[in-house]
Amino acid sequence: MIRKTVKITDPMGLHLRPAGKLCEEAVRFQSRITLEYSREGALCTANAKSVLGILAACIGRGETIAVCCDGPDEEEAAREILKLFDEMEQSC
């Protein structure tokens, strides 16, 4: 399992457009891809292959999340997902 942290810099957080791009990228892989985030001291997860799951997490600007990839193509999945977050950060 690969686990990498990412800080959300988009002023609107993980809203519909970046959530859609993230989901579109995540479904390309066989690995299980989840986002871990904290709410009121509890560790929560969202399925990165579900736009609704990502949106329901209500991840806002400034939050640090963990991208977790687990499966046969986890290295490639982690690399591509983190690359996507870097591209989203640069476009803000």
Protein backbone atom coordinates (compact mmCIF):
# COMPACT_ATOMS: atom_id res chain seq x y z
CA MET A 1 0.00 0.00 0.00
CA ILE A 2 1.20 3.48 -0.89
CA ARG A 3 0.11 6.45 1.22
CA LYS A 4 1.06 10.03 0.32
CA THR A 5 -0.18 13.30 1.79
CA VAL A 6 -1.43 16.24 -0.25
CA LYS A 7 -2.46 19.73 0.82
CA ILE A 8 -5.52 21.15 -0.95
CA THR A 9 -4.77 24.63 -2.30
CA ASP A 10 -7.76 25.33 -4.55
CA PRO A 11 -9.74 28.19 -2.96
CA MET A 12 -12.93 26.14 -3.42
CA GLY A 13 -11.44 22.88 -2.13
CA LEU A 14 -12.23 19.59 -3.89
CA HIS A 15 -15.30 20.88 -5.72
CA LEU A 16 -17.02 19.25 -8.70
CA ARG A 17 -14.45 19.90 -11.43
CA PRO A 18 -11.36 18.56 -9.58
CA ALA A 19 -13.43 15.75 -8.05
CA GLY A 20 -14.50 14.72 -11.55
CA LYS A 21 -10.93 14.78 -12.84
CA LEU A 22 -9.73 12.78 -9.84
CA CYS A 23 -12.46 10.18 -10.27
CA GLU A 24 -11.82 9.94 -14.02
CA GLU A 25 -8.15 9.23 -13.35
CA ALA A 26 -8.79 6.82 -10.45
CA VAL A 27 -11.16 4.53 -12.36
CA ARG A 28 -8.37 3.75 -14.84
CA PHE A 29 -6.64 1.62 -12.21
CA GLN A 30 -7.43 -1.74 -10.64
CA SER A 31 -6.08 -0.64 -7.26
CA ARG A 32 -8.33 0.58 -4.50
CA ILE A 33 -7.79 4.35 -4.22
CA THR A 34 -9.06 6.21 -1.19
CA LEU A 35 -8.71 9.65 0.30
CA GLU A 36 -8.20 9.83 4.06
CA TYR A 37 -9.16 13.01 5.88
CA SER A 38 -9.98 14.11 9.41
CA ARG A 39 -13.36 15.27 10.69
CA GLU A 40 -13.81 16.28 14.32
CA GLY A 41 -10.82 14.17 15.32
CA ALA A 42 -12.01 11.06 13.49
CA LEU A 43 -10.26 9.52 10.49
CA CYS A 44 -12.62 9.31 7.51
CA THR A 45 -12.21 7.88 4.02
CA ALA A 46 -13.67 8.61 0.61
CA ASN A 47 -13.57 6.37 -2.44
CA ALA A 48 -11.59 8.26 -5.10
CA LYS A 49 -13.51 6.36 -7.79
CA SER A 50 -16.77 8.02 -6.71
CA VAL A 51 -17.42 11.68 -7.50
CA LEU A 52 -20.23 11.71 -4.95
CA GLY A 53 -17.95 10.17 -2.34
CA ILE A 54 -15.34 12.86 -2.91
CA LEU A 55 -17.90 15.67 -2.84
CA ALA A 56 -19.55 14.27 0.31
CA ALA A 57 -16.18 14.49 2.09
CA CYS A 58 -16.39 18.31 1.81
CA ILE A 59 -12.61 18.67 1.66
CA GLY A 60 -11.76 22.35 1.76
CA ARG A 61 -8.82 24.59 1.04
CA GLY A 62 -5.91 24.15 3.40
CA GLU A 63 -6.83 20.62 4.44
CA THR A 64 -4.21 17.90 4.26
CA ILE A 65 -5.44 14.55 2.99
CA ALA A 66 -3.76 11.21 2.36
CA VAL A 67 -4.04 9.48 -0.99
CA CYS A 68 -3.93 5.71 -0.43
CA CYS A 69 -3.44 3.24 -3.27
CA ASP A 70 -3.57 -0.49 -2.67
CA GLY A 71 -3.49 -3.12 -5.38
CA PRO A 72 -1.65 -4.55 -8.36
CA ASP A 73 -0.98 -1.19 -10.04
CA GLU A 74 -0.65 0.92 -6.88
CA GLU A 75 2.67 2.53 -7.85
CA GLU A 76 1.41 3.79 -11.19
CA ALA A 77 -1.91 4.84 -9.65
CA ALA A 78 -0.19 6.81 -6.88
CA ARG A 79 2.17 8.47 -9.35
CA GLU A 80 -0.66 9.55 -11.68
CA ILE A 81 -3.01 10.70 -8.90
CA LEU A 82 -0.26 12.76 -7.25
CA LYS A 83 0.66 14.22 -10.65
CA LEU A 84 -2.99 15.26 -11.06
CA PHE A 85 -2.97 16.99 -7.66
CA ASP A 86 0.24 18.82 -8.65
CA GLU A 87 -1.40 20.00 -11.88
CA MET A 88 -4.49 21.16 -9.99
CA GLU A 89 -2.28 23.04 -7.52
CA GLN A 90 -0.44 24.83 -10.31
CA SER A 91 -3.68 25.93 -11.96
CA CYS A 92 -4.90 27.72 -8.81
